[in-house]
Amino acid sequence: MRVLSETAGRVVLKEAFEAQGYHITENYPFSLGDTLVELDGYDPQARVGYEYLTEEDGIEPGPLDLLMRQKHCHLFLIDESQVDDAQAMLAAVFEFFRRIECDD
């Protein structure tokens, strides 16, 4: 299976989020208590962002899952093993957009 690179995945995600009207800040530092993570992209006003989990960046999903469970924000988390190209990434992110529209 092919893997979408960290750089390519981040480009796809940023363009998709901005097309939905979000104002994305890349490499956004996000803290929750003692835990600091740097999200690939985040809109602090809308409290919506994303993280493409790859071996390249080495981020563990645990703290990010905690943020979402506590309803601090909506984060689109996707592991590189789940997508092999930009089209698969877009299909997943647009499903995320549908879910958060239903939550609001």
Protein backbone atom coordinates (compact mmCIF):
# COMPACT_ATOMS: atom_id res chain seq x y z
CA MET A 1 0.00 0.00 0.00
CA ARG A 2 1.23 3.46 -0.86
CA VAL A 3 1.29 6.13 1.83
CA LEU A 4 0.52 9.81 1.39
CA SER A 5 3.53 11.74 2.67
CA GLU A 6 3.28 14.08 5.67
CA THR A 7 3.84 17.11 3.44
CA ALA A 8 1.30 16.07 0.80
CA GLY A 9 -1.29 15.12 3.42
CA ARG A 10 -0.95 18.46 5.18
CA VAL A 11 -1.41 20.35 1.90
CA VAL A 12 -4.59 18.39 1.14
CA LEU A 13 -5.96 18.97 4.64
CA LYS A 14 -5.17 22.69 4.76
CA GLU A 15 -6.82 23.29 1.39
CA ALA A 16 -9.90 21.27 2.39
CA PHE A 17 -10.34 23.08 5.70
CA GLU A 18 -9.81 26.50 4.15
CA ALA A 19 -12.33 25.65 1.40
CA GLN A 20 -14.84 25.09 4.23
CA GLY A 21 -14.13 28.58 5.55
CA TYR A 22 -11.75 27.77 8.37
CA HIS A 23 -8.77 30.06 9.02
CA ILE A 24 -5.99 27.54 9.55
CA THR A 25 -2.81 28.24 11.45
CA GLU A 26 -0.22 25.58 10.69
CA ASN A 27 1.92 24.01 13.43
CA TYR A 28 -0.45 25.33 16.09
CA PRO A 29 0.77 24.77 19.69
CA PHE A 30 -2.11 23.40 21.75
CA SER A 31 -1.86 22.72 25.46
CA LEU A 32 -4.08 20.82 27.83
CA GLY A 33 -2.73 20.89 31.36
CA ASP A 34 0.83 19.61 31.26
CA THR A 35 0.51 18.27 27.72
CA LEU A 36 1.63 20.34 24.75
CA VAL A 37 1.04 19.13 21.22
CA GLU A 38 1.67 20.87 17.94
CA LEU A 39 -1.27 20.36 15.60
CA ASP A 40 -0.67 20.29 11.86
CA GLY A 41 -3.46 22.85 11.46
CA TYR A 42 -5.99 24.57 13.71
CA ASP A 43 -8.54 27.38 13.62
CA PRO A 44 -8.60 28.75 17.20
CA GLN A 45 -11.79 30.78 16.63
CA ALA A 46 -13.80 27.80 15.37
CA ARG A 47 -11.88 25.33 17.60
CA VAL A 48 -11.48 22.99 14.64
CA GLY A 49 -8.28 21.44 13.38
CA TYR A 50 -6.44 18.43 12.11
CA GLU A 51 -3.49 16.16 12.64
CA TYR A 52 -2.14 13.74 10.07
CA LEU A 53 -0.50 11.00 12.12
CA THR A 54 2.61 9.70 10.38
CA GLU A 55 5.82 7.97 11.38
CA GLU A 56 7.52 11.10 10.07
CA ASP A 57 6.07 13.39 12.75
CA GLY A 58 5.94 10.84 15.58
CA ILE A 59 2.90 12.30 17.38
CA GLU A 60 0.95 9.91 19.58
CA PRO A 61 -2.86 10.17 19.29
CA GLY A 62 -3.55 9.72 23.04
CA PRO A 63 -3.50 13.40 24.12
CA LEU A 64 -5.46 14.39 21.01
CA ASP A 65 -8.14 11.79 21.73
CA LEU A 66 -8.41 13.24 25.24
CA LEU A 67 -8.99 16.75 23.85
CA MET A 68 -11.81 15.51 21.66
CA ARG A 69 -13.45 13.39 24.35
CA GLN A 70 -13.51 16.41 26.66
CA LYS A 71 -15.15 18.48 23.89
CA HIS A 72 -12.41 21.13 23.88
CA CYS A 73 -12.40 21.12 20.10
CA HIS A 74 -13.14 19.15 16.96
CA LEU A 75 -10.03 17.48 15.60
CA PHE A 76 -9.74 15.45 12.45
CA LEU A 77 -7.20 12.73 13.22
CA ILE A 78 -6.16 10.38 10.50
CA ASP A 79 -3.36 7.87 10.46
CA GLU A 80 -1.23 7.43 7.37
CA SER A 81 -2.25 3.77 7.26
CA GLN A 82 -5.85 4.84 6.60
CA VAL A 83 -5.22 6.72 3.36
CA ASP A 84 -3.09 5.93 0.36
CA ASP A 85 -3.81 9.01 -1.74
CA ALA A 86 -5.31 12.51 -1.71
CA GLN A 87 -8.73 11.26 -2.85
CA ALA A 88 -9.03 8.92 0.14
CA MET A 89 -7.90 11.75 2.44
CA LEU A 90 -10.58 14.09 1.01
CA ALA A 91 -13.31 11.47 1.38
CA ALA A 92 -12.42 11.05 5.05
CA VAL A 93 -12.17 14.78 5.78
CA PHE A 94 -15.51 15.56 4.15
CA GLU A 95 -17.13 12.87 6.30
CA PHE A 96 -15.59 14.67 9.31
CA PHE A 97 -17.12 17.97 8.13
CA ARG A 98 -20.56 16.30 7.89
CA ARG A 99 -20.23 14.92 11.43
CA ILE A 100 -19.26 18.22 13.03
CA GLU A 101 -22.08 20.05 11.23
CA CYS A 102 -24.48 17.58 12.84
CA ASP A 103 -22.90 18.17 16.28
CA ASP A 104 -23.37 21.94 16.16
